[in-house]
Amino acid sequence: MNKIATSQSIATVISANAARLSGALNEHMRNSFRPESRKTLRKFHPAEVSELTGISLSNMRTRHQDGDFPEVETDARGRRMYSAEEIYQIRQVMARTGRNGDAYLPGRRDGDALQVISIVNFKGGSSKTTTAVHMAQRYALRGYRVLAIDMDPQASLTTMFGYRPELEFVEGGTIYDALRYDDPLPLSQVIRKTYFHNLDLAPAGLMLSEYETETAYALQHRIEPSFTQRLAIALDEVEANYDLVIIDCPPQLGFTTMTALLASTGLLITVIPSMLDVASMAQFLEMAGETVRTLEEATGPIDWTFLKFLIARYEPTDVPQSQMAGFLRSILLDQVLNTAMLKSTAISDAGMTQQTIYELDPSQVVKKTLDRILESVNGVADEFEKTIQQAWGREAG
């Protein structure tokens, strides 16, 4: 076996591999999203709109016939097809004219606090990004105004929205610019509209990794405001524009994660029901508890409205997984969501082209497979939505 002889040749090999991968990824993205330079969102069938809004198909037809709903495109079969913006317009009509109108616009009302939800785990591969992107998209389609924040320098969430962080954000334009200690930008200047109506993104990039070392320096030199307040202060500027903020955190308990946690009103911790993953989560919780306790001694009580656990990548037919899921529920009780996020080829296949199951055209997927994972993902988001609504002092519709 030949060995790479010098550090220079190792660097050359690494750089060459990076260049090859970058070129291949560029080609892959062009093939996936052409002819558009940016991703676009498909239109939704009437049955999907009915499920999202709670409006029956017969009522939808009647409302269209009466001219209450906006006219929309039809497909080759004459079936109406709705954009996400048109779905939101229908919600607004129902909020004004339907019975129990408030249910059609379920976001914040006067006096309701912005809900900031960090999705966390100590271990990579625990479905944090998958959960964050699907929840953000589901809630936008459900009528909430959502801001997704990517706090992971690996920027997987940003990539899911069709960006190439290593190319597009080399000069800036990420959440780092709003958090940095040297001349931070207003958060509104880094937020980007996405192809989902009512869903914006604060992207991440590799520069975000600098925040760890800069925060250590800032603490040593008592630079204010400290990391415990930086994201909360940034959010204050845009707070009125959103109902929900969903944060995808990096898989370690550093300053970046703690910055997110300390700006949050609630946490959702993902866990794969295996012995190794549960042990890793226990370690994460122990470290987080000690860290938060230390911070509380310095800054005062940290008040999260809720803390929930999500069993992710769950395979119900896997006996050890089922046993571990039962074990988690017996220990953590009602902190564990009743609905689990199933492991599915539909999610992994969609991810190959940076898509979610909401972006897939139903005709592209085996119906049984899609129905199974939609029931799971929708169930998780809808159950967690009740927690959000309870934080506002009301029940989800």
Protein backbone atom coordinates (compact mmCIF):
# COMPACT_ATOMS: atom_id res chain seq x y z
CA MET A 1 0.00 0.00 0.00
CA ASN A 2 1.36 3.41 -1.00
CA LYS A 3 1.49 6.07 1.68
CA ILE A 4 1.10 9.78 1.14
CA ALA A 5 4.62 10.95 1.86
CA THR A 6 4.35 14.58 2.85
CA SER A 7 1.92 16.97 4.49
CA GLN A 8 1.87 18.96 1.27
CA SER A 9 0.69 15.95 -0.73
CA ILE A 10 -1.97 15.23 1.89
CA ALA A 11 -3.19 18.82 1.58
CA THR A 12 -3.19 18.47 -2.21
CA VAL A 13 -5.27 15.30 -2.03
CA ILE A 14 -7.75 16.89 0.37
CA SER A 15 -8.06 20.00 -1.80
CA ALA A 16 -8.48 17.92 -4.93
CA ASN A 17 -11.20 15.85 -3.30
CA ALA A 18 -12.96 19.03 -2.15
CA ALA A 19 -12.83 20.46 -5.69
CA ARG A 20 -14.17 17.24 -7.21
CA LEU A 21 -16.99 17.02 -4.68
CA SER A 22 -17.90 20.67 -5.10
CA GLY A 23 -18.04 20.31 -8.88
CA ALA A 24 -20.14 17.16 -8.66
CA LEU A 25 -22.53 18.79 -6.19
CA ASN A 26 -22.91 21.82 -8.45
CA GLU A 27 -23.82 19.52 -11.33
CA HIS A 28 -26.23 17.59 -9.12
CA MET A 29 -27.97 20.78 -8.00
CA ARG A 30 -28.26 22.03 -11.59
CA ASN A 31 -29.81 18.75 -12.67
CA SER A 32 -32.16 18.70 -9.69
CA PHE A 33 -33.48 22.25 -9.96
CA ARG A 34 -33.19 23.31 -13.60
CA PRO A 35 -34.41 25.31 -15.36
CA GLU A 36 -34.98 27.51 -12.29
CA SER A 37 -31.97 28.93 -10.48
CA ARG A 38 -33.91 28.63 -7.20
CA LYS A 39 -36.16 25.94 -5.83
CA THR A 40 -39.90 26.42 -6.24
CA LEU A 41 -42.76 24.75 -4.44
CA ARG A 42 -45.26 22.50 -6.19
CA LYS A 43 -49.01 23.09 -6.03
CA PHE A 44 -51.31 21.12 -3.76
CA HIS A 45 -54.30 18.91 -4.55
CA PRO A 46 -57.74 19.70 -3.04
CA ALA A 47 -57.48 16.73 -0.65
CA GLU A 48 -54.17 18.11 0.67
CA VAL A 49 -55.67 21.57 1.13
CA SER A 50 -58.62 20.03 2.99
CA GLU A 51 -56.25 18.17 5.33
CA LEU A 52 -54.16 21.29 5.96
CA THR A 53 -57.05 23.67 6.58
CA GLY A 54 -59.84 21.47 7.93
CA ILE A 55 -62.20 22.69 5.18
CA SER A 56 -64.23 19.84 3.70
CA LEU A 57 -63.97 19.17 -0.04
CA SER A 58 -67.67 19.88 -0.49
CA ASN A 59 -67.36 23.23 1.30
CA MET A 60 -64.35 24.10 -0.83
CA ARG A 61 -66.34 23.41 -4.01
CA THR A 62 -69.27 25.47 -2.76
CA ARG A 63 -67.06 28.38 -1.79
CA HIS A 64 -65.45 28.38 -5.24
CA GLN A 65 -68.86 28.26 -6.93
CA ASP A 66 -70.03 31.19 -4.80
CA GLY A 67 -66.93 33.19 -5.70
CA ASP A 68 -65.67 33.37 -2.10
CA PHE A 69 -62.33 31.71 -2.84
CA PRO A 70 -59.75 32.95 -5.34
CA GLU A 71 -59.70 31.28 -8.73
CA VAL A 72 -56.79 28.85 -9.08
CA GLU A 73 -55.19 26.85 -11.85
CA THR A 74 -56.53 23.45 -12.87
CA ASP A 75 -54.60 20.41 -14.06
CA ALA A 76 -55.23 18.35 -17.20
CA ARG A 77 -58.09 16.54 -15.44
CA GLY A 78 -59.78 19.80 -14.47
CA ARG A 79 -58.83 19.41 -10.82
CA ARG A 80 -58.01 22.61 -8.93
CA MET A 81 -54.38 23.02 -7.84
CA TYR A 82 -53.41 25.45 -5.07
CA SER A 83 -50.20 27.33 -4.34
CA ALA A 84 -49.15 27.82 -0.72
CA GLU A 85 -50.04 31.52 -1.04
CA GLU A 86 -53.51 30.67 -2.35
CA ILE A 87 -54.02 28.30 0.59
CA TYR A 88 -53.19 31.18 2.92
CA GLN A 89 -55.65 33.45 1.08
CA ILE A 90 -58.35 30.81 1.62
CA ARG A 91 -57.47 30.75 5.31
CA GLN A 92 -57.97 34.50 5.48
CA VAL A 93 -61.40 34.20 3.84
CA MET A 94 -62.44 31.48 6.30
CA ALA A 95 -61.11 33.50 9.25
CA ARG A 96 -63.47 36.34 8.24
CA THR A 97 -66.51 34.32 7.21
CA GLY A 98 -66.29 30.79 8.61
CA ARG A 99 -67.56 29.43 11.88
CA ASN A 100 -64.79 29.38 14.50
CA GLY A 101 -62.81 31.69 12.24
CA ASP A 102 -59.82 31.96 14.59
CA ALA A 103 -58.97 28.31 13.91
CA TYR A 104 -57.97 29.14 10.32
CA LEU A 105 -55.25 31.58 11.44
CA PRO A 106 -53.78 29.74 14.43
CA GLY A 107 -50.78 31.99 15.06
CA ARG A 108 -50.19 34.67 17.67
CA ARG A 109 -52.92 36.95 18.92
CA ASP A 110 -52.64 40.08 21.04
CA GLY A 111 -50.59 39.32 24.12
CA ASP A 112 -49.12 36.05 22.79
CA ALA A 113 -45.36 35.65 23.07
CA LEU A 114 -43.20 34.62 20.13
CA GLN A 115 -42.52 30.89 20.47
CA VAL A 116 -38.84 30.08 19.89
CA ILE A 117 -38.21 26.34 19.64
CA SER A 118 -34.73 24.81 19.60
CA ILE A 119 -34.40 21.32 18.16
CA VAL A 120 -31.40 19.70 19.81
CA ASN A 121 -29.39 16.56 20.40
CA PHE A 122 -25.80 15.91 21.39
CA LYS A 123 -25.28 13.36 18.61
CA GLY A 124 -25.20 13.77 14.84
CA GLY A 125 -27.63 11.77 12.73
CA SER A 126 -30.48 12.12 15.22
CA SER A 127 -32.93 13.66 12.69
CA LYS A 128 -32.64 17.21 14.04
CA THR A 129 -32.53 18.84 10.62
CA THR A 130 -35.17 16.50 9.20
CA THR A 131 -37.46 17.39 12.09
CA ALA A 132 -36.72 21.12 11.88
CA VAL A 133 -37.35 21.47 8.15
CA HIS A 134 -40.52 19.36 8.13
CA MET A 135 -41.96 21.17 11.16
CA ALA A 136 -41.13 24.60 9.71
CA GLN A 137 -42.78 23.73 6.40
CA ARG A 138 -45.80 22.06 7.99
CA TYR A 139 -46.47 25.03 10.25
CA ALA A 140 -46.12 27.49 7.36
CA LEU A 141 -48.69 25.48 5.41
CA ARG A 142 -50.86 25.38 8.53
CA GLY A 143 -51.06 29.17 8.57
CA TYR A 144 -48.26 30.19 10.95
CA ARG A 145 -45.63 32.82 10.15
CA VAL A 146 -42.38 30.90 10.60
CA LEU A 147 -38.71 31.82 10.81
CA ALA A 148 -36.28 28.92 10.50
CA ILE A 149 -32.79 29.61 11.89
CA ASP A 150 -29.86 27.39 10.97
CA MET A 151 -27.40 27.47 13.88
CA ASP A 152 -25.24 24.59 12.63
CA PRO A 153 -22.07 25.56 10.71
CA GLN A 154 -22.58 22.43 8.58
CA ALA A 155 -25.67 24.27 7.26
CA SER A 156 -27.75 21.22 6.37
CA LEU A 157 -31.00 23.12 6.94
CA THR A 158 -29.78 25.91 4.66
CA THR A 159 -28.91 23.35 1.99
CA MET A 160 -32.41 21.85 2.21
CA PHE A 161 -33.77 25.22 1.08
CA GLY A 162 -31.69 25.07 -2.10
CA TYR A 163 -28.60 27.06 -1.12
CA ARG A 164 -24.93 26.14 -1.48
CA PRO A 165 -23.52 27.73 1.70
CA GLU A 166 -19.88 27.02 0.84
CA LEU A 167 -20.33 29.03 -2.38
CA GLU A 168 -23.08 31.55 -1.69
CA PHE A 169 -22.22 32.70 1.83
CA VAL A 170 -18.43 32.88 1.71
CA GLU A 171 -18.62 36.67 2.02
CA GLY A 172 -21.37 36.68 4.63
CA GLY A 173 -25.15 36.78 4.74
CA THR A 174 -25.70 34.21 7.49
CA ILE A 175 -26.90 34.14 11.08
CA TYR A 176 -23.26 34.60 12.10
CA ASP A 177 -23.42 38.20 10.85
CA ALA A 178 -26.24 38.93 13.31
CA LEU A 179 -24.44 37.23 16.24
CA ARG A 180 -20.82 38.29 15.75
CA TYR A 181 -19.23 40.58 18.33
CA ASP A 182 -17.65 42.96 15.82
CA ASP A 183 -20.31 45.19 14.24
CA PRO A 184 -23.23 42.73 14.06
CA LEU A 185 -25.91 43.24 11.40
CA PRO A 186 -29.62 43.52 12.17
CA LEU A 187 -31.19 40.07 11.83
CA SER A 188 -33.56 41.37 9.15
CA GLN A 189 -30.56 41.88 6.85
CA VAL A 190 -29.66 38.18 6.83
CA ILE A 191 -33.18 36.71 6.73
CA ARG A 192 -34.20 35.38 3.32
CA LYS A 193 -37.63 34.62 1.93
CA THR A 194 -38.06 30.99 0.89
CA TYR A 195 -40.23 29.40 -1.78
CA PHE A 196 -42.71 28.51 1.01
CA HIS A 197 -45.22 31.28 1.71
CA ASN A 198 -44.89 32.49 5.33
CA LEU A 199 -41.55 30.70 5.85
CA ASP A 200 -38.31 32.68 6.06
CA LEU A 201 -34.76 31.44 6.66
CA ALA A 202 -31.77 32.78 8.53
CA PRO A 203 -29.08 30.66 6.84
CA ALA A 204 -25.83 29.26 8.21
CA GLY A 205 -22.37 28.83 6.77
CA LEU A 206 -18.92 27.74 7.80
CA MET A 207 -18.12 31.16 9.30
CA LEU A 208 -20.57 30.38 12.10
CA SER A 209 -17.90 28.08 13.57
CA GLU A 210 -15.92 31.27 14.40
CA TYR A 211 -18.61 32.16 16.95
CA GLU A 212 -17.24 29.57 19.39
CA THR A 213 -13.73 31.06 19.60
CA GLU A 214 -15.00 34.63 19.46
CA THR A 215 -17.35 33.96 22.38
CA ALA A 216 -14.53 32.51 24.47
CA TYR A 217 -12.52 35.69 23.76
CA ALA A 218 -15.53 37.90 24.52
CA LEU A 219 -16.09 36.21 27.87
CA GLN A 220 -12.44 36.63 28.79
CA HIS A 221 -12.57 40.34 27.94
CA ARG A 222 -16.11 40.93 29.24
CA ILE A 223 -17.48 42.08 25.89
CA GLU A 224 -21.21 42.78 26.05
CA PRO A 225 -23.83 41.71 25.29
CA SER A 226 -22.76 38.20 26.20
CA PHE A 227 -23.62 35.03 24.30
CA THR A 228 -26.50 34.47 26.72
CA GLN A 229 -28.39 37.40 25.16
CA ARG A 230 -27.15 37.76 21.59
CA LEU A 231 -29.80 35.76 19.71
CA ALA A 232 -32.62 37.01 21.93
CA ILE A 233 -31.56 40.60 21.19
CA ALA A 234 -31.34 39.86 17.46
CA LEU A 235 -34.83 38.34 17.49
CA ASP A 236 -36.29 41.41 19.17
CA GLU A 237 -35.92 43.35 15.91
CA VAL A 238 -38.10 40.92 13.87
CA GLU A 239 -40.27 39.53 16.68
CA ALA A 240 -43.50 41.11 15.39
CA ASN A 241 -43.14 39.41 11.98
CA TYR A 242 -43.42 35.81 13.18
CA ASP A 243 -45.46 33.41 15.27
CA LEU A 244 -42.83 30.68 15.51
CA VAL A 245 -39.04 30.47 15.32
CA ILE A 246 -37.60 27.00 14.73
CA ILE A 247 -33.87 26.59 15.35
CA ASP A 248 -31.75 23.72 14.07
CA CYS A 249 -28.89 23.46 16.58
CA PRO A 250 -25.44 21.91 16.07
CA PRO A 251 -24.85 18.44 17.57
CA GLN A 252 -22.72 19.61 20.48
CA LEU A 253 -23.23 21.67 23.61
CA GLY A 254 -21.05 24.66 22.76
CA PHE A 255 -21.63 28.39 22.87
CA THR A 256 -23.62 28.27 19.62
CA THR A 257 -26.10 25.75 21.01
CA MET A 258 -26.32 27.55 24.34
CA THR A 259 -26.98 30.84 22.55
CA ALA A 260 -29.96 29.18 20.85
CA LEU A 261 -31.21 27.50 24.01
CA LEU A 262 -31.09 30.73 26.02
CA ALA A 263 -33.20 32.53 23.38
CA SER A 264 -35.77 29.72 23.35
CA THR A 265 -39.16 29.40 24.96
CA GLY A 266 -39.15 25.62 24.56
CA LEU A 267 -37.01 22.66 23.51
CA LEU A 268 -37.62 19.60 21.38
CA ILE A 269 -34.98 16.90 21.86
CA THR A 270 -34.80 14.19 19.19
CA VAL A 271 -33.65 10.71 20.17
CA ILE A 272 -33.24 7.48 18.21
CA PRO A 273 -34.48 4.59 20.38
CA SER A 274 -31.23 2.65 20.62
CA MET A 275 -29.05 2.04 23.66
CA LEU A 276 -26.13 4.10 22.30
CA ASP A 277 -28.32 7.05 21.32
CA VAL A 278 -30.22 7.07 24.60
CA ALA A 279 -26.93 6.92 26.51
CA SER A 280 -25.65 9.84 24.42
CA MET A 281 -28.84 11.79 25.13
CA ALA A 282 -28.48 11.13 28.86
CA GLN A 283 -24.95 12.54 28.68
CA PHE A 284 -26.25 15.57 26.77
CA LEU A 285 -28.97 16.19 29.37
CA GLU A 286 -26.50 15.90 32.23
CA MET A 287 -24.09 18.37 30.61
CA ALA A 288 -26.92 20.72 29.65
CA GLY A 289 -28.31 20.63 33.18
CA GLU A 290 -24.94 21.50 34.71
CA THR A 291 -24.34 24.26 32.16
CA VAL A 292 -27.79 25.80 32.63
CA ARG A 293 -27.40 25.63 36.42
CA THR A 294 -24.13 27.55 36.18
CA LEU A 295 -25.69 30.15 33.87
CA GLU A 296 -28.69 30.57 36.16
CA GLU A 297 -26.36 31.36 39.04
CA ALA A 298 -24.89 34.17 36.95
CA THR A 299 -27.92 35.49 35.04
CA GLY A 300 -31.02 34.34 36.96
CA PRO A 301 -33.65 31.69 36.19
CA ILE A 302 -34.01 30.34 32.65
CA ASP A 303 -37.69 29.77 32.02
CA TRP A 304 -38.60 27.32 29.25
CA THR A 305 -42.33 26.87 28.78
CA PHE A 306 -41.95 23.26 27.63
CA LEU A 307 -39.43 20.48 27.10
CA LYS A 308 -40.45 17.59 24.85
CA PHE A 309 -38.74 14.49 23.46
CA LEU A 310 -39.33 13.08 19.99
CA ILE A 311 -38.57 9.46 19.16
CA ALA A 312 -37.03 9.70 15.68
CA ARG A 313 -36.10 7.27 12.88
CA TYR A 314 -38.38 4.76 14.58
CA GLU A 315 -38.98 1.30 13.13
CA PRO A 316 -42.01 -0.23 14.92
CA THR A 317 -41.15 -3.75 13.74
CA ASP A 318 -37.70 -3.54 15.34
CA VAL A 319 -38.21 -5.23 18.72
CA PRO A 320 -35.19 -3.63 20.51
CA GLN A 321 -36.31 -0.20 19.26
CA SER A 322 -39.87 -0.79 20.48
CA GLN A 323 -38.54 -1.87 23.86
CA MET A 324 -36.31 1.19 24.11
CA ALA A 325 -39.18 3.47 23.09
CA GLY A 326 -41.29 1.94 25.85
CA PHE A 327 -38.41 2.41 28.30
CA LEU A 328 -38.13 6.11 27.38
CA ARG A 329 -41.86 6.63 27.85
CA SER A 330 -41.79 4.90 31.23
CA ILE A 331 -39.00 7.20 32.45
CA LEU A 332 -39.88 10.52 30.78
CA LEU A 333 -43.67 10.01 30.78
CA ASP A 334 -45.71 12.72 29.02
CA GLN A 335 -42.57 14.64 28.06
CA VAL A 336 -42.25 12.13 25.19
CA LEU A 337 -44.50 12.86 22.22
CA ASN A 338 -46.98 10.05 21.64
CA THR A 339 -46.30 10.15 17.91
CA ALA A 340 -42.90 8.97 16.67
CA MET A 341 -41.08 10.08 13.53
CA LEU A 342 -40.84 6.91 11.48
CA LYS A 343 -37.78 5.91 9.51
CA SER A 344 -38.76 6.03 5.86
CA THR A 345 -37.24 5.61 2.42
CA ALA A 346 -39.51 8.47 1.27
CA ILE A 347 -37.64 10.94 3.49
CA SER A 348 -34.18 9.65 2.58
CA ASP A 349 -35.00 9.48 -1.14
CA ALA A 350 -36.43 13.00 -1.11
CA GLY A 351 -33.33 14.22 0.72
CA MET A 352 -31.17 13.14 -2.21
CA THR A 353 -32.53 16.15 -4.12
CA GLN A 354 -32.80 18.41 -1.04
CA GLN A 355 -36.55 17.90 -0.80
CA THR A 356 -38.98 17.12 1.98
CA ILE A 357 -42.07 14.97 1.78
CA TYR A 358 -44.15 18.13 1.44
CA GLU A 359 -42.22 19.10 -1.68
CA LEU A 360 -42.52 15.72 -3.38
CA ASP A 361 -45.22 15.38 -5.99
CA PRO A 362 -47.47 12.56 -4.70
CA SER A 363 -47.36 10.94 -8.14
CA GLN A 364 -43.61 10.39 -7.73
CA VAL A 365 -43.94 8.17 -4.65
CA VAL A 366 -45.70 4.88 -3.95
CA LYS A 367 -48.97 5.99 -2.34
CA LYS A 368 -48.77 3.55 0.56
CA THR A 369 -45.22 4.66 1.39
CA LEU A 370 -46.11 8.35 1.20
CA ASP A 371 -49.31 7.97 3.23
CA ARG A 372 -47.42 6.12 5.96
CA ILE A 373 -44.72 8.77 6.41
CA LEU A 374 -47.16 11.69 6.01
CA GLU A 375 -49.26 10.24 8.82
CA SER A 376 -46.14 10.07 10.98
CA VAL A 377 -44.65 13.51 10.18
CA ASN A 378 -48.02 15.29 10.23
CA GLY A 379 -48.85 13.52 13.48
CA VAL A 380 -45.63 14.67 15.13
CA ALA A 381 -46.10 18.28 14.00
CA ASP A 382 -49.79 18.34 14.93
CA GLU A 383 -49.19 16.88 18.37
CA PHE A 384 -46.40 19.38 19.02
CA GLU A 385 -48.66 22.16 17.73
CA LYS A 386 -50.91 21.49 20.73
CA THR A 387 -47.94 22.18 22.99
CA ILE A 388 -47.39 25.50 21.19
CA GLN A 389 -51.04 26.43 21.47
CA GLN A 390 -51.05 25.54 25.17
CA ALA A 391 -48.09 27.88 25.63
CA TRP A 392 -50.44 30.60 24.38
CA GLY A 393 -53.12 29.44 26.80
CA ARG A 394 -55.37 27.72 24.28
CA GLU A 395 -55.95 24.36 22.65
CA ALA A 396 -55.03 23.55 19.04
CA GLY A 397 -57.95 23.26 16.68
